[in-house]
Amino acid sequence: MKSSEISALSTEELVAKISEEKNSLTKLKFAHAVSAIENPQRIKTQRREVARLTTELTKRKAASASEQQ
């Protein structure tokens, strides 16, 4: 997902997407622990995707907190 696509999501969609991606990452890690997955690089890309989404959410929370003060 590109950063422009991430910024286009609403906050509720962002929270839901983070939850979905974390769940997917957990499943990938378990699958890799049980037997080697075909492309272990997917774990790295999934982890970075979660980080991108979380960063956008944090940025929005900081912006709303600064507006309230």
PDB file of N, CA and C in Angstrom:
ATOM      1  N   MET A   1       0.839  -1.165   0.000  1.00  0.00           N
ATOM      2  CA  MET A   1       0.000   0.000   0.000  1.00  0.00           C
ATOM      3  C   MET A   1       0.893   1.240   0.000  1.00  0.00           C
ATOM      4  N   LYS A   2       0.599   2.162  -0.860  1.00  0.00           N
ATOM      5  CA  LYS A   2       1.381   3.382  -0.960  1.00  0.00           C
ATOM      6  C   LYS A   2       0.968   4.369   0.123  1.00  0.00           C
ATOM      7  N   SER A   3       1.842   5.310   0.418  1.00  0.00           N
ATOM      8  CA  SER A   3       1.539   6.284   1.466  1.00  0.00           C
ATOM      9  C   SER A   3       0.346   7.146   1.092  1.00  0.00           C
ATOM     10  N   SER A   4       0.149   7.416  -0.194  1.00  0.00           N
ATOM     11  CA  SER A   4      -1.017   8.195  -0.611  1.00  0.00           C
ATOM     12  C   SER A   4      -2.308   7.414  -0.354  1.00  0.00           C
ATOM     13  N   GLU A   5      -2.260   6.096  -0.547  1.00  0.00           N
ATOM     14  CA  GLU A   5      -3.427   5.263  -0.263  1.00  0.00           C
ATOM     15  C   GLU A   5      -3.699   5.208   1.236  1.00  0.00           C
ATOM     16  N   ILE A   6      -2.635   5.178   2.027  1.00  0.00           N
ATOM     17  CA  ILE A   6      -2.787   5.134   3.481  1.00  0.00           C
ATOM     18  C   ILE A   6      -3.382   6.432   3.992  1.00  0.00           C
ATOM     19  N   SER A   7      -2.897   7.563   3.490  1.00  0.00           N
ATOM     20  CA  SER A   7      -3.402   8.850   3.956  1.00  0.00           C
ATOM     21  C   SER A   7      -4.842   9.086   3.509  1.00  0.00           C
ATOM     22  N   ALA A   8      -5.289   8.401   2.462  1.00  0.00           N
ATOM     23  CA  ALA A   8      -6.665   8.555   1.989  1.00  0.00           C
ATOM     24  C   ALA A   8      -7.665   7.808   2.874  1.00  0.00           C
ATOM     25  N   LEU A   9      -7.182   6.864   3.687  1.00  0.00           N
ATOM     26  CA  LEU A   9      -8.079   6.101   4.557  1.00  0.00           C
ATOM     27  C   LEU A   9      -8.575   6.975   5.714  1.00  0.00           C
ATOM     28  N   SER A  10      -9.789   6.698   6.167  1.00  0.00           N
ATOM     29  CA  SER A  10     -10.280   7.379   7.358  1.00  0.00           C
ATOM     30  C   SER A  10      -9.621   6.747   8.584  1.00  0.00           C
ATOM     31  N   THR A  11      -9.742   7.405   9.702  1.00  0.00           N
ATOM     32  CA  THR A  11      -9.104   6.908  10.924  1.00  0.00           C
ATOM     33  C   THR A  11      -9.669   5.547  11.325  1.00  0.00           C
ATOM     34  N   GLU A  12     -10.981   5.365  11.185  1.00  0.00           N
ATOM     35  CA  GLU A  12     -11.598   4.091  11.529  1.00  0.00           C
ATOM     36  C   GLU A  12     -11.098   2.980  10.601  1.00  0.00           C
ATOM     37  N   GLU A  13     -11.001   3.301   9.317  1.00  0.00           N
ATOM     38  CA  GLU A  13     -10.496   2.319   8.365  1.00  0.00           C
ATOM     39  C   GLU A  13      -9.039   1.987   8.655  1.00  0.00           C
ATOM     40  N   LEU A  14      -8.295   2.994   9.091  1.00  0.00           N
ATOM     41  CA  LEU A  14      -6.881   2.806   9.417  1.00  0.00           C
ATOM     42  C   LEU A  14      -6.721   1.851  10.590  1.00  0.00           C
ATOM     43  N   VAL A  15      -7.523   2.034  11.625  1.00  0.00           N
ATOM     44  CA  VAL A  15      -7.466   1.159  12.799  1.00  0.00           C
ATOM     45  C   VAL A  15      -7.843  -0.268  12.407  1.00  0.00           C
ATOM     46  N   ALA A  16      -8.869  -0.407  11.587  1.00  0.00           N
ATOM     47  CA  ALA A  16      -9.291  -1.740  11.139  1.00  0.00           C
ATOM     48  C   ALA A  16      -8.207  -2.394  10.291  1.00  0.00           C
ATOM     49  N   LYS A  17      -7.571  -1.625   9.422  1.00  0.00           N
ATOM     50  CA  LYS A  17      -6.522  -2.154   8.555  1.00  0.00           C
ATOM     51  C   LYS A  17      -5.312  -2.585   9.372  1.00  0.00           C
ATOM     52  N   ILE A  18      -4.963  -1.819  10.413  1.00  0.00           N
ATOM     53  CA  ILE A  18      -3.842  -2.188  11.285  1.00  0.00           C
ATOM     54  C   ILE A  18      -4.125  -3.534  11.953  1.00  0.00           C
ATOM     55  N   SER A  19      -5.322  -3.675  12.468  1.00  0.00           N
ATOM     56  CA  SER A  19      -5.701  -4.929  13.116  1.00  0.00           C
ATOM     57  C   SER A  19      -5.630  -6.097  12.145  1.00  0.00           C
ATOM     58  N   GLU A  20      -6.132  -5.883  10.947  1.00  0.00           N
ATOM     59  CA  GLU A  20      -6.130  -6.930   9.921  1.00  0.00           C
ATOM     60  C   GLU A  20      -4.700  -7.314   9.535  1.00  0.00           C
ATOM     61  N   GLU A  21      -3.841  -6.321   9.341  1.00  0.00           N
ATOM     62  CA  GLU A  21      -2.460  -6.575   8.932  1.00  0.00           C
ATOM     63  C   GLU A  21      -1.665  -7.256  10.050  1.00  0.00           C
ATOM     64  N   LYS A  22      -1.896  -6.874  11.305  1.00  0.00           N
ATOM     65  CA  LYS A  22      -1.209  -7.520  12.428  1.00  0.00           C
ATOM     66  C   LYS A  22      -1.620  -8.986  12.527  1.00  0.00           C
ATOM     67  N   ASN A  23      -2.896  -9.244  12.324  1.00  0.00           N
ATOM     68  CA  ASN A  23      -3.387 -10.619  12.352  1.00  0.00           C
ATOM     69  C   ASN A  23      -2.736 -11.439  11.234  1.00  0.00           C
ATOM     70  N   SER A  24      -2.642 -10.852  10.070  1.00  0.00           N
ATOM     71  CA  SER A  24      -2.011 -11.515   8.929  1.00  0.00           C
ATOM     72  C   SER A  24      -0.528 -11.787   9.203  1.00  0.00           C
ATOM     73  N   LEU A  25       0.143 -10.821   9.820  1.00  0.00           N
ATOM     74  CA  LEU A  25       1.561 -10.987  10.152  1.00  0.00           C
ATOM     75  C   LEU A  25       1.755 -12.124  11.151  1.00  0.00           C
ATOM     76  N   THR A  26       0.887 -12.201  12.136  1.00  0.00           N
ATOM     77  CA  THR A  26       0.968 -13.274  13.121  1.00  0.00           C
ATOM     78  C   THR A  26       0.796 -14.642  12.449  1.00  0.00           C
ATOM     79  N   LYS A  27      -0.162 -14.731  11.550  1.00  0.00           N
ATOM     80  CA  LYS A  27      -0.374 -15.987  10.831  1.00  0.00           C
ATOM     81  C   LYS A  27       0.842 -16.363   9.992  1.00  0.00           C
ATOM     82  N   LEU A  28       1.451 -15.368   9.343  1.00  0.00           N
ATOM     83  CA  LEU A  28       2.645 -15.625   8.553  1.00  0.00           C
ATOM     84  C   LEU A  28       3.783 -16.151   9.420  1.00  0.00           C
ATOM     85  N   LYS A  29       3.966 -15.537  10.589  1.00  0.00           N
ATOM     86  CA  LYS A  29       5.041 -15.960  11.488  1.00  0.00           C
ATOM     87  C   LYS A  29       4.825 -17.384  11.969  1.00  0.00           C
ATOM     88  N   PHE A  30       3.579 -17.724  12.305  1.00  0.00           N
ATOM     89  CA  PHE A  30       3.292 -19.087  12.741  1.00  0.00           C
ATOM     90  C   PHE A  30       3.517 -20.082  11.605  1.00  0.00           C
ATOM     91  N   ALA A  31       3.081 -19.720  10.411  1.00  0.00           N
ATOM     92  CA  ALA A  31       3.268 -20.601   9.264  1.00  0.00           C
ATOM     93  C   ALA A  31       4.750 -20.817   8.990  1.00  0.00           C
ATOM     94  N   HIS A  32       5.532 -19.783   9.169  1.00  0.00           N
ATOM     95  CA  HIS A  32       6.970 -19.895   8.931  1.00  0.00           C
ATOM     96  C   HIS A  32       7.645 -20.728  10.022  1.00  0.00           C
ATOM     97  N   ALA A  33       7.127 -20.650  11.240  1.00  0.00           N
ATOM     98  CA  ALA A  33       7.704 -21.429  12.337  1.00  0.00           C
ATOM     99  C   ALA A  33       7.419 -22.920  12.160  1.00  0.00           C
ATOM    100  N   VAL A  34       6.239 -23.240  11.665  1.00  0.00           N
ATOM    101  CA  VAL A  34       5.858 -24.631  11.480  1.00  0.00           C
ATOM    102  C   VAL A  34       6.614 -25.245  10.305  1.00  0.00           C
ATOM    103  N   SER A  35       6.563 -24.595   9.181  1.00  0.00           N
ATOM    104  CA  SER A  35       7.302 -25.050   7.995  1.00  0.00           C
ATOM    105  C   SER A  35       7.669 -23.814   7.187  1.00  0.00           C
ATOM    106  N   ALA A  36       8.788 -23.860   6.552  1.00  0.00           N
ATOM    107  CA  ALA A  36       9.276 -22.702   5.812  1.00  0.00           C
ATOM    108  C   ALA A  36       8.260 -22.265   4.758  1.00  0.00           C
ATOM    109  N   ILE A  37       7.941 -20.975   4.766  1.00  0.00           N
ATOM    110  CA  ILE A  37       7.025 -20.458   3.753  1.00  0.00           C
ATOM    111  C   ILE A  37       7.810 -20.211   2.471  1.00  0.00           C
ATOM    112  N   GLU A  38       7.074 -20.127   1.374  1.00  0.00           N
ATOM    113  CA  GLU A  38       7.711 -20.014   0.062  1.00  0.00           C
ATOM    114  C   GLU A  38       8.557 -18.748  -0.060  1.00  0.00           C
ATOM    115  N   ASN A  39       8.036 -17.634   0.444  1.00  0.00           N
ATOM    116  CA  ASN A  39       8.756 -16.371   0.337  1.00  0.00           C
ATOM    117  C   ASN A  39       8.844 -15.718   1.719  1.00  0.00           C
ATOM    118  N   PRO A  40       9.907 -15.950   2.474  1.00  0.00           N
ATOM    119  CA  PRO A  40      10.016 -15.375   3.810  1.00  0.00           C
ATOM    120  C   PRO A  40      10.136 -13.850   3.807  1.00  0.00           C
ATOM    121  N   GLN A  41      10.402 -13.281   2.655  1.00  0.00           N
ATOM    122  CA  GLN A  41      10.479 -11.822   2.542  1.00  0.00           C
ATOM    123  C   GLN A  41       9.121 -11.178   2.824  1.00  0.00           C
ATOM    124  N   ARG A  42       8.040 -11.959   2.674  1.00  0.00           N
ATOM    125  CA  ARG A  42       6.696 -11.442   2.951  1.00  0.00           C
ATOM    126  C   ARG A  42       6.551 -11.006   4.399  1.00  0.00           C
ATOM    127  N   ILE A  43       7.254 -11.657   5.323  1.00  0.00           N
ATOM    128  CA  ILE A  43       7.188 -11.279   6.732  1.00  0.00           C
ATOM    129  C   ILE A  43       7.723  -9.864   6.894  1.00  0.00           C
ATOM    130  N   LYS A  44       8.838  -9.584   6.254  1.00  0.00           N
ATOM    131  CA  LYS A  44       9.455  -8.264   6.340  1.00  0.00           C
ATOM    132  C   LYS A  44       8.537  -7.182   5.756  1.00  0.00           C
ATOM    133  N   THR A  45       7.970  -7.458   4.587  1.00  0.00           N
ATOM    134  CA  THR A  45       7.102  -6.464   3.963  1.00  0.00           C
ATOM    135  C   THR A  45       5.823  -6.253   4.765  1.00  0.00           C
ATOM    136  N   GLN A  46       5.312  -7.320   5.356  1.00  0.00           N
ATOM    137  CA  GLN A  46       4.102  -7.214   6.182  1.00  0.00           C
ATOM    138  C   GLN A  46       4.382  -6.380   7.429  1.00  0.00           C
ATOM    139  N   ARG A  47       5.539  -6.611   8.044  1.00  0.00           N
ATOM    140  CA  ARG A  47       5.923  -5.859   9.234  1.00  0.00           C
ATOM    141  C   ARG A  47       6.066  -4.372   8.913  1.00  0.00           C
ATOM    142  N   ARG A  48       6.634  -4.065   7.782  1.00  0.00           N
ATOM    143  CA  ARG A  48       6.801  -2.668   7.375  1.00  0.00           C
ATOM    144  C   ARG A  48       5.461  -2.016   7.050  1.00  0.00           C
ATOM    145  N   GLU A  49       4.549  -2.787   6.505  1.00  0.00           N
ATOM    146  CA  GLU A  49       3.209  -2.279   6.214  1.00  0.00           C
ATOM    147  C   GLU A  49       2.498  -1.885   7.509  1.00  0.00           C
ATOM    148  N   VAL A  50       2.613  -2.725   8.522  1.00  0.00           N
ATOM    149  CA  VAL A  50       2.026  -2.419   9.828  1.00  0.00           C
ATOM    150  C   VAL A  50       2.658  -1.140  10.381  1.00  0.00           C
ATOM    151  N   ALA A  51       3.963  -1.000  10.229  1.00  0.00           N
ATOM    152  CA  ALA A  51       4.656   0.190  10.720  1.00  0.00           C
ATOM    153  C   ALA A  51       4.192   1.446   9.996  1.00  0.00           C
ATOM    154  N   ARG A  52       3.986   1.371   8.688  1.00  0.00           N
ATOM    155  CA  ARG A  52       3.504   2.526   7.928  1.00  0.00           C
ATOM    156  C   ARG A  52       2.121   2.962   8.398  1.00  0.00           C
ATOM    157  N   LEU A  53       1.251   1.978   8.593  1.00  0.00           N
ATOM    158  CA  LEU A  53      -0.107   2.280   9.046  1.00  0.00           C
ATOM    159  C   LEU A  53      -0.097   2.880  10.450  1.00  0.00           C
ATOM    160  N   THR A  54       0.713   2.306  11.324  1.00  0.00           N
ATOM    161  CA  THR A  54       0.796   2.796  12.696  1.00  0.00           C
ATOM    162  C   THR A  54       1.373   4.208  12.739  1.00  0.00           C
ATOM    163  N   THR A  55       2.344   4.487  11.897  1.00  0.00           N
ATOM    164  CA  THR A  55       2.928   5.819  11.833  1.00  0.00           C
ATOM    165  C   THR A  55       1.890   6.852  11.411  1.00  0.00           C
ATOM    166  N   GLU A  56       1.081   6.525  10.426  1.00  0.00           N
ATOM    167  CA  GLU A  56       0.028   7.434   9.968  1.00  0.00           C
ATOM    168  C   GLU A  56      -0.984   7.679  11.082  1.00  0.00           C
ATOM    169  N   LEU A  57      -1.345   6.638  11.813  1.00  0.00           N
ATOM    170  CA  LEU A  57      -2.294   6.791  12.915  1.00  0.00           C
ATOM    171  C   LEU A  57      -1.713   7.674  14.010  1.00  0.00           C
ATOM    172  N   THR A  58      -0.446   7.475  14.339  1.00  0.00           N
ATOM    173  CA  THR A  58       0.222   8.289  15.353  1.00  0.00           C
ATOM    174  C   THR A  58       0.288   9.746  14.922  1.00  0.00           C
ATOM    175  N   LYS A  59       0.563   9.968  13.636  1.00  0.00           N
ATOM    176  CA  LYS A  59       0.636  11.326  13.111  1.00  0.00           C
ATOM    177  C   LYS A  59      -0.712  12.026  13.242  1.00  0.00           C
ATOM    178  N   ARG A  60      -1.779  11.299  12.960  1.00  0.00           N
ATOM    179  CA  ARG A  60      -3.121  11.878  13.068  1.00  0.00           C
ATOM    180  C   ARG A  60      -3.481  12.184  14.519  1.00  0.00           C
ATOM    181  N   LYS A  61      -3.106  11.297  15.428  1.00  0.00           N
ATOM    182  CA  LYS A  61      -3.390  11.537  16.846  1.00  0.00           C
ATOM    183  C   LYS A  61      -2.628  12.752  17.347  1.00  0.00           C
ATOM    184  N   ALA A  62      -1.368  12.891  16.915  1.00  0.00           N
ATOM    185  CA  ALA A  62      -0.575  14.048  17.329  1.00  0.00           C
ATOM    186  C   ALA A  62      -1.154  15.342  16.768  1.00  0.00           C
ATOM    187  N   ALA A  63      -1.639  15.291  15.536  1.00  0.00           N
ATOM    188  CA  ALA A  63      -2.240  16.479  14.918  1.00  0.00           C
ATOM    189  C   ALA A  63      -3.522  16.882  15.634  1.00  0.00           C
ATOM    190  N   SER A  64      -4.346  15.909  15.992  1.00  0.00           N
ATOM    191  CA  SER A  64      -5.588  16.227  16.697  1.00  0.00           C
ATOM    192  C   SER A  64      -5.306  16.709  18.116  1.00  0.00           C
ATOM    193  N   ALA A  65      -4.256  16.198  18.754  1.00  0.00           N
ATOM    194  CA  ALA A  65      -3.903  16.654  20.088  1.00  0.00           C
ATOM    195  C   ALA A  65      -3.388  18.084  20.064  1.00  0.00           C
ATOM    196  N   SER A  66      -2.633  18.436  19.039  1.00  0.00           N
ATOM    197  CA  SER A  66      -2.106  19.801  18.939  1.00  0.00           C
ATOM    198  C   SER A  66      -3.211  20.797  18.599  1.00  0.00           C
ATOM    199  N   GLU A  67      -4.254  20.352  17.867  1.00  0.00           N
ATOM    200  CA  GLU A  67      -5.380  21.221  17.553  1.00  0.00           C
ATOM    201  C   GLU A  67      -6.210  21.518  18.792  1.00  0.00           C
ATOM    202  N   GLN A  68      -6.287  20.567  19.712  1.00  0.00           N
ATOM    203  CA  GLN A  68      -7.107  20.742  20.902  1.00  0.00           C
ATOM    204  C   GLN A  68      -6.461  21.692  21.906  1.00  0.00           C
ATOM    205  N   GLN A  69      -5.165  21.854  21.834  1.00  0.00           N
ATOM    206  CA  GLN A  69      -4.498  22.715  22.817  1.00  0.00           C
ATOM    207  C   GLN A  69      -4.501  24.136  22.404  1.00  0.00           C
TER     208      GLN A  69
END
